[in-house]
């Protein structure tokens, strides 16, 4: 009998990739989406359920009662310059919404709950050693705090109900349909803009969307404990200039990297009012992924040197 899995947040680029992967694995997939028209591409392969919010999903006892597992991707995502009202949404969706779905799932007999959190639940930057799961979590913004609180809520639910919980903390996810830093770099490179980042010597962990989907698939298999927390990332951390070179390779063009002193780059970003880019472009954020390799035997199947250029090519012009 195929594994019966619901994927929340299935209309996002990560959700679509996770659904595709689980369908290819032979699972019976229910894609939970906020907008009915947002999931047309896999409608012929997956059951699509419209759920405007997570509390609505938590009340859907008929659906939950026939599931073996849930892969929970739905979240209110981090955006710069959030208003206070938008900030409050982090707790409403990421904490209370997750709590509602997990409690209802446990009561319905769902055996496995896979939750995709974020590296922002534990750190924004690293100095020297990569951040490990055992390190003290130090989230710095409302999004990161909500993700960390959701992790703790799920740990309590796992202990109280016996439902197995597996949590993955990814760094920045890239791939077709992704937004954020990589997309911004692609835009700059397409326009031939010289980038003053050639002297940056940082280390950034990233994860290709297909590698994250592979982790989600593996997290539905045998696990060592009722509650498991893992850092998941591509096979190695790379510097900002290396990221730019891989993107340029996917665009079939040369990267125009200028070797400007990092201190001058940081000062320039401050002057331009782009403090939000300072850490992302010049700082380090590296994950220690040894635990997931040791306990689950999971390693990312696609190397970053392959995944990054391919994701740029697949995104098109």
C-alpha atoms as a PDB file:
ATOM      1  CA  UNK A   1       0.000   0.000   0.000  1.00  0.00           C
ATOM      2  CA  UNK A   2       1.459   3.401  -0.944  1.00  0.00           C
ATOM      3  CA  UNK A   3       2.407   5.879   1.753  1.00  0.00           C
ATOM      4  CA  UNK A   4      -0.361   8.472   2.156  1.00  0.00           C
ATOM      5  CA  UNK A   5       1.186  11.914   2.605  1.00  0.00           C
ATOM      6  CA  UNK A   6      -0.192  15.445   2.745  1.00  0.00           C
ATOM      7  CA  UNK A   7       2.100  18.320   1.787  1.00  0.00           C
ATOM      8  CA  UNK A   8       1.087  21.722   3.162  1.00  0.00           C
ATOM      9  CA  UNK A   9       2.232  24.843   1.361  1.00  0.00           C
ATOM     10  CA  UNK A  10       2.226  22.782  -1.832  1.00  0.00           C
ATOM     11  CA  UNK A  11       1.700  25.829  -4.037  1.00  0.00           C
ATOM     12  CA  UNK A  12       5.185  27.200  -3.217  1.00  0.00           C
ATOM     13  CA  UNK A  13       8.239  26.262  -5.267  1.00  0.00           C
ATOM     14  CA  UNK A  14       9.524  23.975  -2.497  1.00  0.00           C
ATOM     15  CA  UNK A  15       6.100  22.378  -2.052  1.00  0.00           C
ATOM     16  CA  UNK A  16       5.752  21.653  -5.750  1.00  0.00           C
ATOM     17  CA  UNK A  17       9.162  19.982  -5.823  1.00  0.00           C
ATOM     18  CA  UNK A  18       8.414  17.922  -2.693  1.00  0.00           C
ATOM     19  CA  UNK A  19       5.116  16.753  -4.201  1.00  0.00           C
ATOM     20  CA  UNK A  20       6.834  15.766  -7.445  1.00  0.00           C
ATOM     21  CA  UNK A  21       9.478  13.824  -5.557  1.00  0.00           C
ATOM     22  CA  UNK A  22       7.002  11.943  -3.341  1.00  0.00           C
ATOM     23  CA  UNK A  23       4.814  11.111  -6.340  1.00  0.00           C
ATOM     24  CA  UNK A  24       7.869   9.758  -8.152  1.00  0.00           C
ATOM     25  CA  UNK A  25       8.593   7.668  -5.046  1.00  0.00           C
ATOM     26  CA  UNK A  26       5.149   6.091  -5.370  1.00  0.00           C
ATOM     27  CA  UNK A  27       3.422   7.926  -2.519  1.00  0.00           C
ATOM     28  CA  UNK A  28      -0.237   8.896  -2.585  1.00  0.00           C
ATOM     29  CA  UNK A  29       0.053  12.676  -2.266  1.00  0.00           C
ATOM     30  CA  UNK A  30      -2.493  15.239  -1.131  1.00  0.00           C
ATOM     31  CA  UNK A  31      -1.362  18.764  -1.997  1.00  0.00           C
ATOM     32  CA  UNK A  32      -2.790  21.268   0.480  1.00  0.00           C
ATOM     33  CA  UNK A  33      -2.972  24.714  -1.128  1.00  0.00           C
ATOM     34  CA  UNK A  34      -4.379  28.104  -0.169  1.00  0.00           C
ATOM     35  CA  UNK A  35      -5.598  28.954  -3.685  1.00  0.00           C
ATOM     36  CA  UNK A  36      -7.310  26.232  -5.766  1.00  0.00           C
ATOM     37  CA  UNK A  37      -5.946  27.537  -9.065  1.00  0.00           C
ATOM     38  CA  UNK A  38      -2.331  27.589  -7.881  1.00  0.00           C
ATOM     39  CA  UNK A  39      -1.567  23.916  -8.323  1.00  0.00           C
ATOM     40  CA  UNK A  40      -2.568  23.024 -11.848  1.00  0.00           C
ATOM     41  CA  UNK A  41       0.694  21.409 -12.962  1.00  0.00           C
ATOM     42  CA  UNK A  42       0.348  18.259 -10.814  1.00  0.00           C
ATOM     43  CA  UNK A  43      -3.438  18.119 -10.524  1.00  0.00           C
ATOM     44  CA  UNK A  44      -3.531  14.992 -12.715  1.00  0.00           C
ATOM     45  CA  UNK A  45      -1.179  13.151 -10.314  1.00  0.00           C
ATOM     46  CA  UNK A  46      -2.032  14.458  -6.839  1.00  0.00           C
ATOM     47  CA  UNK A  47      -5.208  15.068  -4.897  1.00  0.00           C
ATOM     48  CA  UNK A  48      -5.513  18.817  -4.346  1.00  0.00           C
ATOM     49  CA  UNK A  49      -7.230  20.137  -1.214  1.00  0.00           C
ATOM     50  CA  UNK A  50      -8.073  23.823  -0.816  1.00  0.00           C
ATOM     51  CA  UNK A  51      -7.406  24.990   2.744  1.00  0.00           C
ATOM     52  CA  UNK A  52      -7.450  28.781   3.215  1.00  0.00           C
ATOM     53  CA  UNK A  53      -5.583  28.563   6.536  1.00  0.00           C
ATOM     54  CA  UNK A  54      -4.017  26.009   8.833  1.00  0.00           C
ATOM     55  CA  UNK A  55      -6.824  25.990  11.373  1.00  0.00           C
ATOM     56  CA  UNK A  56      -9.156  25.018   8.546  1.00  0.00           C
ATOM     57  CA  UNK A  57      -6.851  22.104   7.748  1.00  0.00           C
ATOM     58  CA  UNK A  58      -6.754  21.108  11.426  1.00  0.00           C
ATOM     59  CA  UNK A  59     -10.549  20.789  11.365  1.00  0.00           C
ATOM     60  CA  UNK A  60     -10.466  18.470   8.337  1.00  0.00           C
ATOM     61  CA  UNK A  61     -10.700  15.222  10.327  1.00  0.00           C
ATOM     62  CA  UNK A  62     -11.717  13.243   7.223  1.00  0.00           C
ATOM     63  CA  UNK A  63      -8.454  14.090   5.448  1.00  0.00           C
ATOM     64  CA  UNK A  64      -6.193  13.732   8.500  1.00  0.00           C
ATOM     65  CA  UNK A  65      -7.725  10.384   9.419  1.00  0.00           C
ATOM     66  CA  UNK A  66      -6.553   8.746   6.211  1.00  0.00           C
ATOM     67  CA  UNK A  67      -2.949  10.008   6.279  1.00  0.00           C
ATOM     68  CA  UNK A  68       0.253   8.249   7.281  1.00  0.00           C
ATOM     69  CA  UNK A  69       2.340  11.428   7.321  1.00  0.00           C
ATOM     70  CA  UNK A  70       2.359  15.186   6.832  1.00  0.00           C
ATOM     71  CA  UNK A  71       5.180  17.240   5.327  1.00  0.00           C
ATOM     72  CA  UNK A  72       4.524  20.696   6.750  1.00  0.00           C
ATOM     73  CA  UNK A  73       5.936  23.488   4.596  1.00  0.00           C
ATOM     74  CA  UNK A  74       3.235  26.144   5.008  1.00  0.00           C
ATOM     75  CA  UNK A  75       4.555  29.249   6.742  1.00  0.00           C
ATOM     76  CA  UNK A  76       4.413  33.003   6.907  1.00  0.00           C
ATOM     77  CA  UNK A  77       7.794  33.717   5.369  1.00  0.00           C
ATOM     78  CA  UNK A  78      10.408  36.300   6.222  1.00  0.00           C
ATOM     79  CA  UNK A  79      10.149  39.605   4.387  1.00  0.00           C
ATOM     80  CA  UNK A  80      12.260  42.726   4.908  1.00  0.00           C
ATOM     81  CA  UNK A  81      10.642  45.762   6.473  1.00  0.00           C
ATOM     82  CA  UNK A  82       7.657  43.902   7.932  1.00  0.00           C
ATOM     83  CA  UNK A  83       4.967  45.961   9.648  1.00  0.00           C
ATOM     84  CA  UNK A  84       3.977  45.095  13.226  1.00  0.00           C
ATOM     85  CA  UNK A  85       0.755  43.500  11.955  1.00  0.00           C
ATOM     86  CA  UNK A  86       2.742  41.354   9.529  1.00  0.00           C
ATOM     87  CA  UNK A  87       5.175  40.459  12.311  1.00  0.00           C
ATOM     88  CA  UNK A  88       2.298  39.184  14.448  1.00  0.00           C
ATOM     89  CA  UNK A  89       1.414  36.849  11.607  1.00  0.00           C
ATOM     90  CA  UNK A  90       4.602  34.876  12.252  1.00  0.00           C
ATOM     91  CA  UNK A  91       3.247  33.540  15.544  1.00  0.00           C
ATOM     92  CA  UNK A  92      -0.267  33.141  14.213  1.00  0.00           C
ATOM     93  CA  UNK A  93       0.805  30.996  11.257  1.00  0.00           C
ATOM     94  CA  UNK A  94       4.189  29.520  12.125  1.00  0.00           C
ATOM     95  CA  UNK A  95       3.517  28.711  15.779  1.00  0.00           C
ATOM     96  CA  UNK A  96      -0.208  28.473  16.417  1.00  0.00           C
ATOM     97  CA  UNK A  97      -1.053  27.198  12.945  1.00  0.00           C
ATOM     98  CA  UNK A  98       1.614  24.507  13.191  1.00  0.00           C
ATOM     99  CA  UNK A  99       0.427  23.596  16.688  1.00  0.00           C
ATOM    100  CA  UNK A 100      -3.170  23.224  15.500  1.00  0.00           C
ATOM    101  CA  UNK A 101      -2.265  20.975  12.577  1.00  0.00           C
ATOM    102  CA  UNK A 102       0.146  18.834  14.608  1.00  0.00           C
ATOM    103  CA  UNK A 103      -2.280  18.305  17.499  1.00  0.00           C
ATOM    104  CA  UNK A 104      -5.109  17.400  15.117  1.00  0.00           C
ATOM    105  CA  UNK A 105      -2.785  15.091  13.166  1.00  0.00           C
ATOM    106  CA  UNK A 106      -1.704  13.266  16.322  1.00  0.00           C
ATOM    107  CA  UNK A 107      -5.324  12.875  17.431  1.00  0.00           C
ATOM    108  CA  UNK A 108      -6.212  11.470  13.998  1.00  0.00           C
ATOM    109  CA  UNK A 109      -3.445   8.869  14.206  1.00  0.00           C
ATOM    110  CA  UNK A 110      -0.935  10.383  11.762  1.00  0.00           C
ATOM    111  CA  UNK A 111       2.337   8.573  12.462  1.00  0.00           C
ATOM    112  CA  UNK A 112       4.939  11.028  11.105  1.00  0.00           C
ATOM    113  CA  UNK A 113       5.111  14.831  11.013  1.00  0.00           C
ATOM    114  CA  UNK A 114       7.954  16.314   8.951  1.00  0.00           C
ATOM    115  CA  UNK A 115       8.454  20.013   9.626  1.00  0.00           C
ATOM    116  CA  UNK A 116      10.680  22.238   7.519  1.00  0.00           C
ATOM    117  CA  UNK A 117      11.983  24.958   9.811  1.00  0.00           C
ATOM    118  CA  UNK A 118      14.853  27.330   8.982  1.00  0.00           C
ATOM    119  CA  UNK A 119      18.453  27.978   9.930  1.00  0.00           C
ATOM    120  CA  UNK A 120      17.130  31.338  11.150  1.00  0.00           C
ATOM    121  CA  UNK A 121      15.652  29.427  14.108  1.00  0.00           C
ATOM    122  CA  UNK A 122      19.172  28.993  15.451  1.00  0.00           C
ATOM    123  CA  UNK A 123      21.539  31.580  13.934  1.00  0.00           C
ATOM    124  CA  UNK A 124      21.957  34.423  11.451  1.00  0.00           C
ATOM    125  CA  UNK A 125      25.721  34.146  11.034  1.00  0.00           C
ATOM    126  CA  UNK A 126      28.684  32.001  11.980  1.00  0.00           C
ATOM    127  CA  UNK A 127      32.224  32.891  12.982  1.00  0.00           C
ATOM    128  CA  UNK A 128      34.621  30.007  12.482  1.00  0.00           C
ATOM    129  CA  UNK A 129      32.888  26.705  13.256  1.00  0.00           C
ATOM    130  CA  UNK A 130      29.653  25.736  11.492  1.00  0.00           C
ATOM    131  CA  UNK A 131      26.504  25.912  13.627  1.00  0.00           C
ATOM    132  CA  UNK A 132      25.357  22.504  14.930  1.00  0.00           C
ATOM    133  CA  UNK A 133      21.982  21.318  16.186  1.00  0.00           C
ATOM    134  CA  UNK A 134      23.369  21.134  19.742  1.00  0.00           C
ATOM    135  CA  UNK A 135      24.407  24.804  19.763  1.00  0.00           C
ATOM    136  CA  UNK A 136      22.284  27.272  21.706  1.00  0.00           C
ATOM    137  CA  UNK A 137      19.583  28.657  19.409  1.00  0.00           C
ATOM    138  CA  UNK A 138      19.844  32.430  19.002  1.00  0.00           C
ATOM    139  CA  UNK A 139      17.154  33.592  16.552  1.00  0.00           C
ATOM    140  CA  UNK A 140      17.351  37.316  15.900  1.00  0.00           C
ATOM    141  CA  UNK A 141      14.054  38.289  14.263  1.00  0.00           C
ATOM    142  CA  UNK A 142      10.348  37.508  14.514  1.00  0.00           C
ATOM    143  CA  UNK A 143      10.503  34.907  11.749  1.00  0.00           C
ATOM    144  CA  UNK A 144      13.400  33.025  13.331  1.00  0.00           C
ATOM    145  CA  UNK A 145      11.827  33.181  16.789  1.00  0.00           C
ATOM    146  CA  UNK A 146       8.544  31.813  15.442  1.00  0.00           C
ATOM    147  CA  UNK A 147      10.331  28.928  13.737  1.00  0.00           C
ATOM    148  CA  UNK A 148      12.223  28.068  16.923  1.00  0.00           C
ATOM    149  CA  UNK A 149       9.050  28.246  18.994  1.00  0.00           C
ATOM    150  CA  UNK A 150       7.319  25.912  16.527  1.00  0.00           C
ATOM    151  CA  UNK A 151      10.181  23.424  16.914  1.00  0.00           C
ATOM    152  CA  UNK A 152       9.705  23.432  20.691  1.00  0.00           C
ATOM    153  CA  UNK A 153       5.929  23.050  20.333  1.00  0.00           C
ATOM    154  CA  UNK A 154       6.442  20.008  18.112  1.00  0.00           C
ATOM    155  CA  UNK A 155       8.918  18.496  20.581  1.00  0.00           C
ATOM    156  CA  UNK A 156       6.261  18.747  23.298  1.00  0.00           C
ATOM    157  CA  UNK A 157       3.580  17.234  21.058  1.00  0.00           C
ATOM    158  CA  UNK A 158       5.853  14.331  20.084  1.00  0.00           C
ATOM    159  CA  UNK A 159       6.563  13.558  23.743  1.00  0.00           C
ATOM    160  CA  UNK A 160       2.900  13.783  24.737  1.00  0.00           C
ATOM    161  CA  UNK A 161       1.304  11.884  21.847  1.00  0.00           C
ATOM    162  CA  UNK A 162       3.896   9.510  20.420  1.00  0.00           C
ATOM    163  CA  UNK A 163       3.624  10.996  16.925  1.00  0.00           C
ATOM    164  CA  UNK A 164       7.093  10.957  15.357  1.00  0.00           C
ATOM    165  CA  UNK A 165       8.410  14.408  14.447  1.00  0.00           C
ATOM    166  CA  UNK A 166      11.323  15.066  12.093  1.00  0.00           C
ATOM    167  CA  UNK A 167      12.528  18.641  11.683  1.00  0.00           C
ATOM    168  CA  UNK A 168      14.805  19.905   8.947  1.00  0.00           C
ATOM    169  CA  UNK A 169      16.550  23.273   9.227  1.00  0.00           C
ATOM    170  CA  UNK A 170      17.645  24.399   5.761  1.00  0.00           C
ATOM    171  CA  UNK A 171      19.593  27.529   4.841  1.00  0.00           C
ATOM    172  CA  UNK A 172      18.618  29.571   1.768  1.00  0.00           C
ATOM    173  CA  UNK A 173      16.808  27.332  -0.733  1.00  0.00           C
ATOM    174  CA  UNK A 174      17.462  27.930  -4.420  1.00  0.00           C
ATOM    175  CA  UNK A 175      15.916  26.504  -7.558  1.00  0.00           C
ATOM    176  CA  UNK A 176      13.413  27.252 -10.278  1.00  0.00           C
ATOM    177  CA  UNK A 177      10.801  29.648  -8.905  1.00  0.00           C
ATOM    178  CA  UNK A 178      12.869  30.765  -5.914  1.00  0.00           C
ATOM    179  CA  UNK A 179      13.141  34.392  -4.902  1.00  0.00           C
ATOM    180  CA  UNK A 180      15.641  36.121  -2.650  1.00  0.00           C
ATOM    181  CA  UNK A 181      19.410  36.545  -2.795  1.00  0.00           C
ATOM    182  CA  UNK A 182      20.206  34.136  -5.621  1.00  0.00           C
ATOM    183  CA  UNK A 183      17.519  35.669  -7.822  1.00  0.00           C
ATOM    184  CA  UNK A 184      18.980  39.116  -7.143  1.00  0.00           C
ATOM    185  CA  UNK A 185      22.451  37.936  -8.142  1.00  0.00           C
ATOM    186  CA  UNK A 186      21.030  36.404 -11.335  1.00  0.00           C
ATOM    187  CA  UNK A 187      19.416  39.741 -12.187  1.00  0.00           C
ATOM    188  CA  UNK A 188      22.672  41.640 -11.675  1.00  0.00           C
ATOM    189  CA  UNK A 189      24.650  39.171 -13.767  1.00  0.00           C
ATOM    190  CA  UNK A 190      22.117  39.207 -16.606  1.00  0.00           C
ATOM    191  CA  UNK A 191      22.521  42.974 -16.807  1.00  0.00           C
ATOM    192  CA  UNK A 192      26.306  42.684 -16.859  1.00  0.00           C
ATOM    193  CA  UNK A 193      26.726  44.735 -13.688  1.00  0.00           C
ATOM    194  CA  UNK A 194      30.275  44.555 -12.244  1.00  0.00           C
ATOM    195  CA  UNK A 195      30.043  43.211  -8.693  1.00  0.00           C
ATOM    196  CA  UNK A 196      32.538  44.453  -6.065  1.00  0.00           C
ATOM    197  CA  UNK A 197      32.535  41.090  -4.278  1.00  0.00           C
ATOM    198  CA  UNK A 198      35.633  39.360  -5.618  1.00  0.00           C
ATOM    199  CA  UNK A 199      37.577  39.752  -2.352  1.00  0.00           C
ATOM    200  CA  UNK A 200      34.884  38.317  -0.078  1.00  0.00           C
ATOM    201  CA  UNK A 201      36.137  35.176   1.723  1.00  0.00           C
ATOM    202  CA  UNK A 202      33.038  33.949   3.525  1.00  0.00           C
ATOM    203  CA  UNK A 203      31.334  30.542   3.777  1.00  0.00           C
ATOM    204  CA  UNK A 204      27.626  30.164   3.014  1.00  0.00           C
ATOM    205  CA  UNK A 205      25.564  26.993   3.211  1.00  0.00           C
ATOM    206  CA  UNK A 206      22.724  26.720   0.699  1.00  0.00           C
ATOM    207  CA  UNK A 207      20.450  23.918  -0.435  1.00  0.00           C
ATOM    208  CA  UNK A 208      19.029  23.095  -3.857  1.00  0.00           C
ATOM    209  CA  UNK A 209      15.278  22.566  -3.842  1.00  0.00           C
ATOM    210  CA  UNK A 210      15.720  19.047  -5.227  1.00  0.00           C
ATOM    211  CA  UNK A 211      18.078  18.213  -2.361  1.00  0.00           C
ATOM    212  CA  UNK A 212      15.579  19.513   0.188  1.00  0.00           C
ATOM    213  CA  UNK A 213      12.865  17.411  -1.454  1.00  0.00           C
ATOM    214  CA  UNK A 214      15.162  14.399  -1.204  1.00  0.00           C
ATOM    215  CA  UNK A 215      15.571  15.048   2.531  1.00  0.00           C
ATOM    216  CA  UNK A 216      11.788  15.219   2.951  1.00  0.00           C
ATOM    217  CA  UNK A 217      11.507  11.850   1.233  1.00  0.00           C
ATOM    218  CA  UNK A 218      14.182  10.352   3.478  1.00  0.00           C
ATOM    219  CA  UNK A 219      12.529  11.833   6.584  1.00  0.00           C
ATOM    220  CA  UNK A 220       9.470   9.671   5.896  1.00  0.00           C
ATOM    221  CA  UNK A 221      11.547   6.511   6.371  1.00  0.00           C
ATOM    222  CA  UNK A 222      13.039   4.964   9.484  1.00  0.00           C
ATOM    223  CA  UNK A 223      14.173   7.471  12.130  1.00  0.00           C
ATOM    224  CA  UNK A 224      16.186   6.931  15.333  1.00  0.00           C
ATOM    225  CA  UNK A 225      13.848   8.659  17.798  1.00  0.00           C
ATOM    226  CA  UNK A 226      10.413  10.144  18.317  1.00  0.00           C
ATOM    227  CA  UNK A 227      11.778  13.680  17.858  1.00  0.00           C
ATOM    228  CA  UNK A 228      14.669  14.364  15.487  1.00  0.00           C
ATOM    229  CA  UNK A 229      16.173  17.723  14.480  1.00  0.00           C
ATOM    230  CA  UNK A 230      18.598  18.040  11.559  1.00  0.00           C
ATOM    231  CA  UNK A 231      20.556  20.688   9.707  1.00  0.00           C
ATOM    232  CA  UNK A 232      20.286  20.020   5.972  1.00  0.00           C
ATOM    233  CA  UNK A 233      22.327  21.671   3.226  1.00  0.00           C
ATOM    234  CA  UNK A 234      24.192  21.055  -0.013  1.00  0.00           C
ATOM    235  CA  UNK A 235      27.390  19.045   0.040  1.00  0.00           C
ATOM    236  CA  UNK A 236      29.613  21.992   0.940  1.00  0.00           C
ATOM    237  CA  UNK A 237      29.537  25.650   1.906  1.00  0.00           C
ATOM    238  CA  UNK A 238      30.930  28.111  -0.635  1.00  0.00           C
ATOM    239  CA  UNK A 239      31.837  31.795  -0.772  1.00  0.00           C
ATOM    240  CA  UNK A 240      29.822  34.583  -2.367  1.00  0.00           C
ATOM    241  CA  UNK A 241      32.299  34.856  -5.299  1.00  0.00           C
ATOM    242  CA  UNK A 242      31.955  31.102  -5.875  1.00  0.00           C
ATOM    243  CA  UNK A 243      28.155  31.402  -5.862  1.00  0.00           C
ATOM    244  CA  UNK A 244      28.414  34.161  -8.443  1.00  0.00           C
ATOM    245  CA  UNK A 245      30.736  32.062 -10.622  1.00  0.00           C
ATOM    246  CA  UNK A 246      28.285  29.131 -10.559  1.00  0.00           C
ATOM    247  CA  UNK A 247      25.386  31.408 -11.471  1.00  0.00           C
ATOM    248  CA  UNK A 248      27.422  32.918 -14.303  1.00  0.00           C
ATOM    249  CA  UNK A 249      28.168  29.405 -15.549  1.00  0.00           C
ATOM    250  CA  UNK A 250      24.440  28.698 -15.729  1.00  0.00           C
ATOM    251  CA  UNK A 251      23.929  31.927 -17.670  1.00  0.00           C
ATOM    252  CA  UNK A 252      26.821  31.128 -20.042  1.00  0.00           C
ATOM    253  CA  UNK A 253      28.485  34.421 -19.354  1.00  0.00           C
ATOM    254  CA  UNK A 254      31.514  35.736 -17.502  1.00  0.00           C
ATOM    255  CA  UNK A 255      31.182  37.033 -13.976  1.00  0.00           C
ATOM    256  CA  UNK A 256      32.555  40.556 -13.647  1.00  0.00           C
ATOM    257  CA  UNK A 257      33.973  40.425 -10.123  1.00  0.00           C
ATOM    258  CA  UNK A 258      35.919  43.381  -8.744  1.00  0.00           C
ATOM    259  CA  UNK A 259      38.269  42.841  -5.819  1.00  0.00           C
ATOM    260  CA  UNK A 260      37.064  45.602  -3.499  1.00  0.00           C
ATOM    261  CA  UNK A 261      38.080  45.351   0.194  1.00  0.00           C
ATOM    262  CA  UNK A 262      35.217  43.783   2.205  1.00  0.00           C
ATOM    263  CA  UNK A 263      35.158  46.731   4.636  1.00  0.00           C
ATOM    264  CA  UNK A 264      34.513  49.083   1.705  1.00  0.00           C
ATOM    265  CA  UNK A 265      31.727  46.817   0.432  1.00  0.00           C
ATOM    266  CA  UNK A 266      30.034  46.857   3.830  1.00  0.00           C
ATOM    267  CA  UNK A 267      30.368  50.634   4.075  1.00  0.00           C
ATOM    268  CA  UNK A 268      28.944  51.069   0.581  1.00  0.00           C
ATOM    269  CA  UNK A 269      25.911  48.922   1.390  1.00  0.00           C
ATOM    270  CA  UNK A 270      25.274  50.982   4.522  1.00  0.00           C
ATOM    271  CA  UNK A 271      25.470  54.217   2.534  1.00  0.00           C
ATOM    272  CA  UNK A 272      23.032  52.798  -0.030  1.00  0.00           C
ATOM    273  CA  UNK A 273      20.612  51.851   2.729  1.00  0.00           C
ATOM    274  CA  UNK A 274      21.021  48.116   2.054  1.00  0.00           C
ATOM    275  CA  UNK A 275      22.113  46.907   5.469  1.00  0.00           C
ATOM    276  CA  UNK A 276      19.993  43.814   4.847  1.00  0.00           C
ATOM    277  CA  UNK A 277      22.524  42.686   2.226  1.00  0.00           C
ATOM    278  CA  UNK A 278      25.651  43.080   4.345  1.00  0.00           C
ATOM    279  CA  UNK A 279      25.510  39.704   6.114  1.00  0.00           C
ATOM    280  CA  UNK A 280      24.000  37.920   3.117  1.00  0.00           C
ATOM    281  CA  UNK A 281      26.763  38.978   0.740  1.00  0.00           C
ATOM    282  CA  UNK A 282      29.788  39.343   3.018  1.00  0.00           C
ATOM    283  CA  UNK A 283      29.067  37.279   6.148  1.00  0.00           C
ATOM    284  CA  UNK A 284      29.259  33.539   6.805  1.00  0.00           C
ATOM    285  CA  UNK A 285      26.446  31.160   7.725  1.00  0.00           C
ATOM    286  CA  UNK A 286      27.606  27.545   7.616  1.00  0.00           C
ATOM    287  CA  UNK A 287      25.701  24.505   8.858  1.00  0.00           C
ATOM    288  CA  UNK A 288      27.152  21.388  10.425  1.00  0.00           C
ATOM    289  CA  UNK A 289      25.290  18.535   8.696  1.00  0.00           C
ATOM    290  CA  UNK A 290      27.102  15.569  10.249  1.00  0.00           C
ATOM    291  CA  UNK A 291      24.131  14.508  12.389  1.00  0.00           C
ATOM    292  CA  UNK A 292      21.765  13.926   9.459  1.00  0.00           C
ATOM    293  CA  UNK A 293      24.453  11.928   7.655  1.00  0.00           C
ATOM    294  CA  UNK A 294      25.149   9.808  10.734  1.00  0.00           C
ATOM    295  CA  UNK A 295      21.573   9.183  11.913  1.00  0.00           C
ATOM    296  CA  UNK A 296      19.616   9.095   8.654  1.00  0.00           C
ATOM    297  CA  UNK A 297      22.403   8.262   6.252  1.00  0.00           C
ATOM    298  CA  UNK A 298      21.294  11.286   4.235  1.00  0.00           C
ATOM    299  CA  UNK A 299      23.605  13.211   1.962  1.00  0.00           C
ATOM    300  CA  UNK A 300      22.472  15.635  -0.738  1.00  0.00           C
ATOM    301  CA  UNK A 301      22.319  13.689  -4.014  1.00  0.00           C
ATOM    302  CA  UNK A 302      23.126  16.650  -6.271  1.00  0.00           C
ATOM    303  CA  UNK A 303      26.385  18.579  -5.855  1.00  0.00           C
ATOM    304  CA  UNK A 304      26.124  22.346  -5.684  1.00  0.00           C
ATOM    305  CA  UNK A 305      28.377  22.670  -8.759  1.00  0.00           C
ATOM    306  CA  UNK A 306      25.654  20.864 -10.725  1.00  0.00           C
ATOM    307  CA  UNK A 307      22.518  22.125  -8.985  1.00  0.00           C
ATOM    308  CA  UNK A 308      23.245  25.857  -9.005  1.00  0.00           C
ATOM    309  CA  UNK A 309      23.989  26.339 -12.743  1.00  0.00           C
ATOM    310  CA  UNK A 310      21.129  23.998 -13.669  1.00  0.00           C
ATOM    311  CA  UNK A 311      18.653  25.932 -11.541  1.00  0.00           C
ATOM    312  CA  UNK A 312      19.634  29.134 -13.370  1.00  0.00           C
ATOM    313  CA  UNK A 313      19.239  27.510 -16.792  1.00  0.00           C
ATOM    314  CA  UNK A 314      15.846  26.030 -15.869  1.00  0.00           C
ATOM    315  CA  UNK A 315      14.588  29.412 -14.653  1.00  0.00           C
ATOM    316  CA  UNK A 316      14.875  30.773 -18.186  1.00  0.00           C
ATOM    317  CA  UNK A 317      15.281  34.422 -19.215  1.00  0.00           C
END
